[in-house]
mmCIF file of all heavy atoms, coordinates in Angstrom:
data_MODEL
# 
_entry.id   MODEL 
# 
loop_
_atom_site.group_PDB 
_atom_site.id 
_atom_site.type_symbol 
_atom_site.label_atom_id 
_atom_site.label_alt_id 
_atom_site.label_comp_id 
_atom_site.label_asym_id 
_atom_site.label_entity_id 
_atom_site.label_seq_id 
_atom_site.pdbx_PDB_ins_code 
_atom_site.Cartn_x 
_atom_site.Cartn_y 
_atom_site.Cartn_z 
_atom_site.occupancy 
_atom_site.B_iso_or_equiv 
_atom_site.pdbx_formal_charge 
_atom_site.auth_seq_id 
_atom_site.auth_comp_id 
_atom_site.auth_asym_id 
_atom_site.auth_atom_id 
_atom_site.pdbx_PDB_model_num 
ATOM 1   N N   . ILE A 1 1  ? 105.590 113.743 99.251  1.00 0.00 ? 1  ILE A N   1 
ATOM 2   C CA  . ILE A 1 1  ? 106.509 112.603 99.062  1.00 0.00 ? 1  ILE A CA  1 
ATOM 3   C C   . ILE A 1 1  ? 106.755 111.959 100.433 1.00 0.00 ? 1  ILE A C   1 
ATOM 4   O O   . ILE A 1 1  ? 107.197 112.663 101.374 1.00 0.00 ? 1  ILE A O   1 
ATOM 5   C CB  . ILE A 1 1  ? 107.848 113.081 98.481  1.00 0.00 ? 1  ILE A CB  1 
ATOM 6   C CG1 . ILE A 1 1  ? 107.629 113.894 97.183  1.00 0.00 ? 1  ILE A CG1 1 
ATOM 7   C CG2 . ILE A 1 1  ? 108.779 111.886 98.188  1.00 0.00 ? 1  ILE A CG2 1 
ATOM 8   C CD1 . ILE A 1 1  ? 108.755 114.845 96.832  1.00 0.00 ? 1  ILE A CD1 1 
ATOM 9   N N   . GLU A 1 2  ? 106.525 110.673 100.529 1.00 0.00 ? 2  GLU A N   1 
ATOM 10  C CA  . GLU A 1 2  ? 106.905 109.963 101.731 1.00 0.00 ? 2  GLU A CA  1 
ATOM 11  C C   . GLU A 1 2  ? 108.150 109.198 101.419 1.00 0.00 ? 2  GLU A C   1 
ATOM 12  O O   . GLU A 1 2  ? 108.195 108.350 100.546 1.00 0.00 ? 2  GLU A O   1 
ATOM 13  C CB  . GLU A 1 2  ? 105.816 109.025 102.212 1.00 0.00 ? 2  GLU A CB  1 
ATOM 14  C CG  . GLU A 1 2  ? 106.081 108.534 103.633 1.00 0.00 ? 2  GLU A CG  1 
ATOM 15  C CD  . GLU A 1 2  ? 105.591 107.126 103.896 1.00 0.00 ? 2  GLU A CD  1 
ATOM 16  O OE1 . GLU A 1 2  ? 105.219 106.422 102.940 1.00 0.00 ? 2  GLU A OE1 1 
ATOM 17  O OE2 . GLU A 1 2  ? 105.622 106.716 105.062 1.00 0.00 ? 2  GLU A OE2 1 
ATOM 18  N N   . ASP A 1 3  ? 109.215 109.462 102.192 1.00 0.00 ? 3  ASP A N   1 
ATOM 19  C CA  . ASP A 1 3  ? 110.504 108.785 102.003 1.00 0.00 ? 3  ASP A CA  1 
ATOM 20  C C   . ASP A 1 3  ? 110.671 107.784 103.086 1.00 0.00 ? 3  ASP A C   1 
ATOM 21  O O   . ASP A 1 3  ? 110.838 108.141 104.268 1.00 0.00 ? 3  ASP A O   1 
ATOM 22  C CB  . ASP A 1 3  ? 111.607 109.870 102.016 1.00 0.00 ? 3  ASP A CB  1 
ATOM 23  C CG  . ASP A 1 3  ? 112.981 109.264 101.777 1.00 0.00 ? 3  ASP A CG  1 
ATOM 24  O OD1 . ASP A 1 3  ? 113.039 108.042 101.549 1.00 0.00 ? 3  ASP A OD1 1 
ATOM 25  O OD2 . ASP A 1 3  ? 113.986 109.993 101.762 1.00 0.00 ? 3  ASP A OD2 1 
ATOM 26  N N   . GLY A 1 4  ? 110.629 106.524 102.740 1.00 0.00 ? 4  GLY A N   1 
ATOM 27  C CA  . GLY A 1 4  ? 110.757 105.442 103.742 1.00 0.00 ? 4  GLY A CA  1 
ATOM 28  C C   . GLY A 1 4  ? 112.056 105.517 104.519 1.00 0.00 ? 4  GLY A C   1 
ATOM 29  O O   . GLY A 1 4  ? 112.126 105.185 105.699 1.00 0.00 ? 4  GLY A O   1 
ATOM 30  N N   . ALA A 1 5  ? 113.144 105.946 103.816 1.00 0.00 ? 5  ALA A N   1 
ATOM 31  C CA  . ALA A 1 5  ? 114.473 105.978 104.442 1.00 0.00 ? 5  ALA A CA  1 
ATOM 32  C C   . ALA A 1 5  ? 114.531 106.996 105.566 1.00 0.00 ? 5  ALA A C   1 
ATOM 33  O O   . ALA A 1 5  ? 115.045 106.729 106.655 1.00 0.00 ? 5  ALA A O   1 
ATOM 34  C CB  . ALA A 1 5  ? 115.503 106.242 103.379 1.00 0.00 ? 5  ALA A CB  1 
ATOM 35  N N   . SER A 1 6  ? 114.037 108.219 105.262 1.00 0.00 ? 6  SER A N   1 
ATOM 36  C CA  . SER A 1 6  ? 114.099 109.277 106.307 1.00 0.00 ? 6  SER A CA  1 
ATOM 37  C C   . SER A 1 6  ? 112.936 109.237 107.299 1.00 0.00 ? 6  SER A C   1 
ATOM 38  O O   . SER A 1 6  ? 113.014 109.862 108.344 1.00 0.00 ? 6  SER A O   1 
ATOM 39  C CB  . SER A 1 6  ? 114.135 110.641 105.611 1.00 0.00 ? 6  SER A CB  1 
ATOM 40  O OG  . SER A 1 6  ? 112.854 110.917 105.025 1.00 0.00 ? 6  SER A OG  1 
ATOM 41  N N   . GLY A 1 7  ? 111.894 108.481 106.903 1.00 0.00 ? 7  GLY A N   1 
ATOM 42  C CA  . GLY A 1 7  ? 110.708 108.421 107.762 1.00 0.00 ? 7  GLY A CA  1 
ATOM 43  C C   . GLY A 1 7  ? 109.974 109.746 107.868 1.00 0.00 ? 7  GLY A C   1 
ATOM 44  O O   . GLY A 1 7  ? 109.362 110.074 108.879 1.00 0.00 ? 7  GLY A O   1 
ATOM 45  N N   . ARG A 1 8  ? 110.051 110.543 106.831 1.00 0.00 ? 8  ARG A N   1 
ATOM 46  C CA  . ARG A 1 8  ? 109.387 111.877 106.840 1.00 0.00 ? 8  ARG A CA  1 
ATOM 47  C C   . ARG A 1 8  ? 108.450 112.021 105.660 1.00 0.00 ? 8  ARG A C   1 
ATOM 48  O O   . ARG A 1 8  ? 108.623 111.366 104.610 1.00 0.00 ? 8  ARG A O   1 
ATOM 49  C CB  . ARG A 1 8  ? 110.470 112.967 106.733 1.00 0.00 ? 8  ARG A CB  1 
ATOM 50  C CG  . ARG A 1 8  ? 111.345 113.074 107.962 1.00 0.00 ? 8  ARG A CG  1 
ATOM 51  C CD  . ARG A 1 8  ? 110.736 114.013 108.960 1.00 0.00 ? 8  ARG A CD  1 
ATOM 52  N NE  . ARG A 1 8  ? 111.282 113.879 110.293 1.00 0.00 ? 8  ARG A NE  1 
ATOM 53  C CZ  . ARG A 1 8  ? 110.978 114.666 111.312 1.00 0.00 ? 8  ARG A CZ  1 
ATOM 54  N NH1 . ARG A 1 8  ? 110.108 115.629 111.125 1.00 0.00 ? 8  ARG A NH1 1 
ATOM 55  N NH2 . ARG A 1 8  ? 111.502 114.519 112.512 1.00 0.00 ? 8  ARG A NH2 1 
ATOM 56  N N   . LEU A 1 9  ? 107.464 112.896 105.836 1.00 0.00 ? 9  LEU A N   1 
ATOM 57  C CA  . LEU A 1 9  ? 106.582 113.260 104.703 1.00 0.00 ? 9  LEU A CA  1 
ATOM 58  C C   . LEU A 1 9  ? 106.970 114.694 104.298 1.00 0.00 ? 9  LEU A C   1 
ATOM 59  O O   . LEU A 1 9  ? 106.883 115.606 105.104 1.00 0.00 ? 9  LEU A O   1 
ATOM 60  C CB  . LEU A 1 9  ? 105.109 113.220 105.149 1.00 0.00 ? 9  LEU A CB  1 
ATOM 61  C CG  . LEU A 1 9  ? 104.132 113.665 104.027 1.00 0.00 ? 9  LEU A CG  1 
ATOM 62  C CD1 . LEU A 1 9  ? 104.034 112.599 102.941 1.00 0.00 ? 9  LEU A CD1 1 
ATOM 63  C CD2 . LEU A 1 9  ? 102.743 113.933 104.608 1.00 0.00 ? 9  LEU A CD2 1 
ATOM 64  N N   . THR A 1 10 ? 107.374 114.814 103.056 1.00 0.00 ? 10 THR A N   1 
ATOM 65  C CA  . THR A 1 10 ? 107.790 116.127 102.539 1.00 0.00 ? 10 THR A CA  1 
ATOM 66  C C   . THR A 1 10 ? 106.651 116.718 101.716 1.00 0.00 ? 10 THR A C   1 
ATOM 67  O O   . THR A 1 10 ? 106.028 116.052 100.899 1.00 0.00 ? 10 THR A O   1 
ATOM 68  C CB  . THR A 1 10 ? 109.045 115.992 101.655 1.00 0.00 ? 10 THR A CB  1 
ATOM 69  O OG1 . THR A 1 10 ? 110.051 115.318 102.422 1.00 0.00 ? 10 THR A OG1 1 
ATOM 70  C CG2 . THR A 1 10 ? 109.551 117.349 101.213 1.00 0.00 ? 10 THR A CG2 1 
ATOM 71  N N   . ILE A 1 11 ? 106.398 118.004 101.911 1.00 0.00 ? 11 ILE A N   1 
ATOM 72  C CA  . ILE A 1 11 ? 105.368 118.738 101.185 1.00 0.00 ? 11 ILE A CA  1 
ATOM 73  C C   . ILE A 1 11 ? 106.077 119.874 100.433 1.00 0.00 ? 11 ILE A C   1 
ATOM 74  O O   . ILE A 1 11 ? 106.706 120.720 101.028 1.00 0.00 ? 11 ILE A O   1 
ATOM 75  C CB  . ILE A 1 11 ? 104.275 119.310 102.110 1.00 0.00 ? 11 ILE A CB  1 
ATOM 76  C CG1 . ILE A 1 11 ? 103.662 118.154 102.928 1.00 0.00 ? 11 ILE A CG1 1 
ATOM 77  C CG2 . ILE A 1 11 ? 103.215 120.046 101.332 1.00 0.00 ? 11 ILE A CG2 1 
ATOM 78  C CD1 . ILE A 1 11 ? 103.066 118.611 104.244 1.00 0.00 ? 11 ILE A CD1 1 
ATOM 79  N N   . GLU A 1 12 ? 105.976 119.840 99.091  1.00 0.00 ? 12 GLU A N   1 
ATOM 80  C CA  . GLU A 1 12 ? 106.653 120.849 98.263  1.00 0.00 ? 12 GLU A CA  1 
ATOM 81  C C   . GLU A 1 12 ? 105.612 121.612 97.456  1.00 0.00 ? 12 GLU A C   1 
ATOM 82  O O   . GLU A 1 12 ? 104.705 121.037 96.894  1.00 0.00 ? 12 GLU A O   1 
ATOM 83  C CB  . GLU A 1 12 ? 107.630 120.172 97.320  1.00 0.00 ? 12 GLU A CB  1 
ATOM 84  C CG  . GLU A 1 12 ? 108.767 119.468 98.034  1.00 0.00 ? 12 GLU A CG  1 
ATOM 85  C CD  . GLU A 1 12 ? 109.688 118.688 97.053  1.00 0.00 ? 12 GLU A CD  1 
ATOM 86  O OE1 . GLU A 1 12 ? 109.287 118.607 95.870  1.00 0.00 ? 12 GLU A OE1 1 
ATOM 87  O OE2 . GLU A 1 12 ? 110.713 118.158 97.501  1.00 0.00 ? 12 GLU A OE2 1 
ATOM 88  N N   . ALA A 1 13 ? 105.776 122.932 97.424  1.00 0.00 ? 13 ALA A N   1 
ATOM 89  C CA  . ALA A 1 13 ? 104.926 123.784 96.562  1.00 0.00 ? 13 ALA A CA  1 
ATOM 90  C C   . ALA A 1 13 ? 105.751 125.027 96.204  1.00 0.00 ? 13 ALA A C   1 
ATOM 91  O O   . ALA A 1 13 ? 105.994 125.845 97.037  1.00 0.00 ? 13 ALA A O   1 
ATOM 92  C CB  . ALA A 1 13 ? 103.647 124.140 97.325  1.00 0.00 ? 13 ALA A CB  1 
ATOM 93  N N   . GLY A 1 14 ? 106.103 125.112 94.916  1.00 0.00 ? 14 GLY A N   1 
ATOM 94  C CA  . GLY A 1 14 ? 106.935 126.253 94.509  1.00 0.00 ? 14 GLY A CA  1 
ATOM 95  C C   . GLY A 1 14 ? 108.222 126.238 95.298  1.00 0.00 ? 14 GLY A C   1 
ATOM 96  O O   . GLY A 1 14 ? 108.966 125.252 95.352  1.00 0.00 ? 14 GLY A O   1 
ATOM 97  N N   . ARG A 1 15 ? 108.519 127.338 95.994  1.00 0.00 ? 15 ARG A N   1 
ATOM 98  C CA  . ARG A 1 15 ? 109.762 127.460 96.755  1.00 0.00 ? 15 ARG A CA  1 
ATOM 99  C C   . ARG A 1 15 ? 109.557 127.037 98.214  1.00 0.00 ? 15 ARG A C   1 
ATOM 100 O O   . ARG A 1 15 ? 110.495 127.102 99.010  1.00 0.00 ? 15 ARG A O   1 
ATOM 101 C CB  . ARG A 1 15 ? 110.284 128.897 96.699  1.00 0.00 ? 15 ARG A CB  1 
ATOM 102 C CG  . ARG A 1 15 ? 110.644 129.315 95.310  1.00 0.00 ? 15 ARG A CG  1 
ATOM 103 C CD  . ARG A 1 15 ? 111.207 130.721 95.324  1.00 0.00 ? 15 ARG A CD  1 
ATOM 104 N NE  . ARG A 1 15 ? 111.563 131.182 93.976  1.00 0.00 ? 15 ARG A NE  1 
ATOM 105 C CZ  . ARG A 1 15 ? 112.073 132.359 93.697  1.00 0.00 ? 15 ARG A CZ  1 
ATOM 106 N NH1 . ARG A 1 15 ? 112.288 133.229 94.666  1.00 0.00 ? 15 ARG A NH1 1 
ATOM 107 N NH2 . ARG A 1 15 ? 112.392 132.667 92.484  1.00 0.00 ? 15 ARG A NH2 1 
ATOM 108 N N   . SER A 1 16 ? 108.331 126.609 98.572  1.00 0.00 ? 16 SER A N   1 
ATOM 109 C CA  . SER A 1 16 ? 108.054 126.204 99.942  1.00 0.00 ? 16 SER A CA  1 
ATOM 110 C C   . SER A 1 16 ? 108.350 124.713 100.095 1.00 0.00 ? 16 SER A C   1 
ATOM 111 O O   . SER A 1 16 ? 108.069 123.911 99.193  1.00 0.00 ? 16 SER A O   1 
ATOM 112 C CB  . SER A 1 16 ? 106.610 126.488 100.297 1.00 0.00 ? 16 SER A CB  1 
ATOM 113 O OG  . SER A 1 16 ? 106.297 127.843 100.147 1.00 0.00 ? 16 SER A OG  1 
ATOM 114 N N   . ASN A 1 17 ? 108.884 124.369 101.243 1.00 0.00 ? 17 ASN A N   1 
ATOM 115 C CA  . ASN A 1 17 ? 109.194 122.968 101.501 1.00 0.00 ? 17 ASN A CA  1 
ATOM 116 C C   . ASN A 1 17 ? 108.990 122.706 102.995 1.00 0.00 ? 17 ASN A C   1 
ATOM 117 O O   . ASN A 1 17 ? 109.485 123.385 103.875 1.00 0.00 ? 17 ASN A O   1 
ATOM 118 C CB  . ASN A 1 17 ? 110.687 122.713 101.124 1.00 0.00 ? 17 ASN A CB  1 
ATOM 119 C CG  . ASN A 1 17 ? 111.034 121.260 101.195 1.00 0.00 ? 17 ASN A CG  1 
ATOM 120 O OD1 . ASN A 1 17 ? 110.918 120.655 102.255 1.00 0.00 ? 17 ASN A OD1 1 
ATOM 121 N ND2 . ASN A 1 17 ? 111.445 120.684 100.077 1.00 0.00 ? 17 ASN A ND2 1 
ATOM 122 N N   . PHE A 1 18 ? 108.163 121.668 103.276 1.00 0.00 ? 18 PHE A N   1 
ATOM 123 C CA  . PHE A 1 18 ? 107.864 121.294 104.643 1.00 0.00 ? 18 PHE A CA  1 
ATOM 124 C C   . PHE A 1 18 ? 108.151 119.828 104.860 1.00 0.00 ? 18 PHE A C   1 
ATOM 125 O O   . PHE A 1 18 ? 108.025 119.026 103.934 1.00 0.00 ? 18 PHE A O   1 
ATOM 126 C CB  . PHE A 1 18 ? 106.391 121.522 104.987 1.00 0.00 ? 18 PHE A CB  1 
ATOM 127 C CG  . PHE A 1 18 ? 105.924 122.936 104.739 1.00 0.00 ? 18 PHE A CG  1 
ATOM 128 C CD1 . PHE A 1 18 ? 105.479 123.356 103.525 1.00 0.00 ? 18 PHE A CD1 1 
ATOM 129 C CD2 . PHE A 1 18 ? 105.914 123.864 105.796 1.00 0.00 ? 18 PHE A CD2 1 
ATOM 130 C CE1 . PHE A 1 18 ? 105.061 124.634 103.282 1.00 0.00 ? 18 PHE A CE1 1 
ATOM 131 C CE2 . PHE A 1 18 ? 105.490 125.177 105.580 1.00 0.00 ? 18 PHE A CE2 1 
ATOM 132 C CZ  . PHE A 1 18 ? 105.054 125.551 104.324 1.00 0.00 ? 18 PHE A CZ  1 
ATOM 133 N N   . SER A 1 19 ? 108.557 119.497 106.088 1.00 0.00 ? 19 SER A N   1 
ATOM 134 C CA  . SER A 1 19 ? 108.824 118.069 106.393 1.00 0.00 ? 19 SER A CA  1 
ATOM 135 C C   . SER A 1 19 ? 108.096 117.731 107.711 1.00 0.00 ? 19 SER A C   1 
ATOM 136 O O   . SER A 1 19 ? 108.314 118.377 108.735 1.00 0.00 ? 19 SER A O   1 
ATOM 137 C CB  . SER A 1 19 ? 110.358 117.886 106.571 1.00 0.00 ? 19 SER A CB  1 
ATOM 138 O OG  . SER A 1 19 ? 110.631 116.580 106.966 1.00 0.00 ? 19 SER A OG  1 
ATOM 139 N N   . LEU A 1 20 ? 107.226 116.716 107.635 1.00 0.00 ? 20 LEU A N   1 
ATOM 140 C CA  . LEU A 1 20 ? 106.412 116.342 108.801 1.00 0.00 ? 20 LEU A CA  1 
ATOM 141 C C   . LEU A 1 20 ? 106.749 114.904 109.211 1.00 0.00 ? 20 LEU A C   1 
ATOM 142 O O   . LEU A 1 20 ? 107.113 114.089 108.387 1.00 0.00 ? 20 LEU A O   1 
ATOM 143 C CB  . LEU A 1 20 ? 104.919 116.454 108.490 1.00 0.00 ? 20 LEU A CB  1 
ATOM 144 C CG  . LEU A 1 20 ? 104.404 117.849 108.088 1.00 0.00 ? 20 LEU A CG  1 
ATOM 145 C CD1 . LEU A 1 20 ? 102.895 117.770 107.797 1.00 0.00 ? 20 LEU A CD1 1 
ATOM 146 C CD2 . LEU A 1 20 ? 104.683 118.873 109.193 1.00 0.00 ? 20 LEU A CD2 1 
ATOM 147 N N   . ALA A 1 21 ? 106.542 114.644 110.520 1.00 0.00 ? 21 ALA A N   1 
ATOM 148 C CA  . ALA A 1 21 ? 106.812 113.292 111.031 1.00 0.00 ? 21 ALA A CA  1 
ATOM 149 C C   . ALA A 1 21 ? 105.505 112.484 111.019 1.00 0.00 ? 21 ALA A C   1 
ATOM 150 O O   . ALA A 1 21 ? 104.539 112.846 111.709 1.00 0.00 ? 21 ALA A O   1 
ATOM 151 C CB  . ALA A 1 21 ? 107.348 113.386 112.460 1.00 0.00 ? 21 ALA A CB  1 
ATOM 152 N N   . PRO A 1 22 ? 105.444 111.425 110.201 1.00 0.00 ? 22 PRO A N   1 
ATOM 153 C CA  . PRO A 1 22 ? 104.219 110.647 110.154 1.00 0.00 ? 22 PRO A CA  1 
ATOM 154 C C   . PRO A 1 22 ? 104.151 109.593 111.267 1.00 0.00 ? 22 PRO A C   1 
ATOM 155 O O   . PRO A 1 22 ? 105.161 109.387 111.994 1.00 0.00 ? 22 PRO A O   1 
ATOM 156 C CB  . PRO A 1 22 ? 104.309 109.953 108.798 1.00 0.00 ? 22 PRO A CB  1 
ATOM 157 C CG  . PRO A 1 22 ? 105.750 109.908 108.470 1.00 0.00 ? 22 PRO A CG  1 
ATOM 158 C CD  . PRO A 1 22 ? 106.434 110.962 109.243 1.00 0.00 ? 22 PRO A CD  1 
ATOM 159 N N   . LEU A 1 23 ? 103.006 108.982 111.462 1.00 0.00 ? 23 LEU A N   1 
ATOM 160 C CA  . LEU A 1 23 ? 102.867 107.845 112.343 1.00 0.00 ? 23 LEU A CA  1 
ATOM 161 C C   . LEU A 1 23 ? 102.489 106.619 111.477 1.00 0.00 ? 23 LEU A C   1 
ATOM 162 O O   . LEU A 1 23 ? 101.951 106.761 110.373 1.00 0.00 ? 23 LEU A O   1 
ATOM 163 C CB  . LEU A 1 23 ? 101.725 108.082 113.381 1.00 0.00 ? 23 LEU A CB  1 
ATOM 164 C CG  . LEU A 1 23 ? 102.046 109.095 114.501 1.00 0.00 ? 23 LEU A CG  1 
ATOM 165 C CD1 . LEU A 1 23 ? 100.775 109.383 115.301 1.00 0.00 ? 23 LEU A CD1 1 
ATOM 166 C CD2 . LEU A 1 23 ? 103.141 108.553 115.399 1.00 0.00 ? 23 LEU A CD2 1 
ATOM 167 N N   . PRO A 1 24 ? 102.781 105.399 111.961 1.00 0.00 ? 24 PRO A N   1 
ATOM 168 C CA  . PRO A 1 24 ? 102.546 104.209 111.127 1.00 0.00 ? 24 PRO A CA  1 
ATOM 169 C C   . PRO A 1 24 ? 101.068 104.057 110.726 1.00 0.00 ? 24 PRO A C   1 
ATOM 170 O O   . PRO A 1 24 ? 100.194 104.190 111.533 1.00 0.00 ? 24 PRO A O   1 
ATOM 171 C CB  . PRO A 1 24 ? 102.925 103.041 112.040 1.00 0.00 ? 24 PRO A CB  1 
ATOM 172 C CG  . PRO A 1 24 ? 103.758 103.664 113.122 1.00 0.00 ? 24 PRO A CG  1 
ATOM 173 C CD  . PRO A 1 24 ? 103.323 105.038 113.288 1.00 0.00 ? 24 PRO A CD  1 
ATOM 174 N N   . LYS A 1 25 ? 100.888 103.816 109.412 1.00 0.00 ? 25 LYS A N   1 
ATOM 175 C CA  . LYS A 1 25 ? 99.512  103.666 108.894 1.00 0.00 ? 25 LYS A CA  1 
ATOM 176 C C   . LYS A 1 25 ? 98.806  102.456 109.535 1.00 0.00 ? 25 LYS A C   1 
ATOM 177 O O   . LYS A 1 25 ? 97.573  102.426 109.620 1.00 0.00 ? 25 LYS A O   1 
ATOM 178 C CB  . LYS A 1 25 ? 99.536  103.579 107.362 1.00 0.00 ? 25 LYS A CB  1 
ATOM 179 C CG  . LYS A 1 25 ? 100.303 102.384 106.822 1.00 0.00 ? 25 LYS A CG  1 
ATOM 180 C CD  . LYS A 1 25 ? 100.290 102.418 105.289 1.00 0.00 ? 25 LYS A CD  1 
ATOM 181 C CE  . LYS A 1 25 ? 101.009 101.224 104.675 1.00 0.00 ? 25 LYS A CE  1 
ATOM 182 N NZ  . LYS A 1 25 ? 102.445 101.277 104.885 1.00 0.00 ? 25 LYS A NZ  1 
ATOM 183 N N   . GLU A 1 26 ? 99.582  101.464 109.930 1.00 0.00 ? 26 GLU A N   1 
ATOM 184 C CA  . GLU A 1 26 ? 98.979  100.279 110.518 1.00 0.00 ? 26 GLU A CA  1 
ATOM 185 C C   . GLU A 1 26 ? 98.232  100.562 111.826 1.00 0.00 ? 26 GLU A C   1 
ATOM 186 O O   . GLU A 1 26 ? 97.344  99.815  112.224 1.00 0.00 ? 26 GLU A O   1 
ATOM 187 C CB  . GLU A 1 26 ? 100.044 99.202  110.809 1.00 0.00 ? 26 GLU A CB  1 
ATOM 188 C CG  . GLU A 1 26 ? 100.728 98.618  109.555 1.00 0.00 ? 26 GLU A CG  1 
ATOM 189 C CD  . GLU A 1 26 ? 101.770 99.570  108.982 1.00 0.00 ? 26 GLU A CD  1 
ATOM 190 O OE1 . GLU A 1 26 ? 102.246 100.483 109.689 1.00 0.00 ? 26 GLU A OE1 1 
ATOM 191 O OE2 . GLU A 1 26 ? 102.092 99.358  107.765 1.00 0.00 ? 26 GLU A OE2 1 
ATOM 192 N N   . ASP A 1 27 ? 98.598  101.690 112.483 1.00 0.00 ? 27 ASP A N   1 
ATOM 193 C CA  . ASP A 1 27 ? 97.972  102.033 113.774 1.00 0.00 ? 27 ASP A CA  1 
ATOM 194 C C   . ASP A 1 27 ? 96.640  102.739 113.580 1.00 0.00 ? 27 ASP A C   1 
ATOM 195 O O   . ASP A 1 27 ? 95.917  102.976 114.552 1.00 0.00 ? 27 ASP A O   1 
ATOM 196 C CB  . ASP A 1 27 ? 98.888  102.926 114.591 1.00 0.00 ? 27 ASP A CB  1 
ATOM 197 C CG  . ASP A 1 27 ? 100.155 102.170 115.042 1.00 0.00 ? 27 ASP A CG  1 
ATOM 198 O OD1 . ASP A 1 27 ? 100.206 100.965 114.870 1.00 0.00 ? 27 ASP A OD1 1 
ATOM 199 O OD2 . ASP A 1 27 ? 101.097 102.849 115.562 1.00 0.00 ? 27 ASP A OD2 1 
# 
């Protein structure tokens, strides 16, 4: 899930949850 408001990419699988910082796709 990419949340435009938080500027983060969240990865969920079962009870695991990760949050990564993306870079602009335009670059």
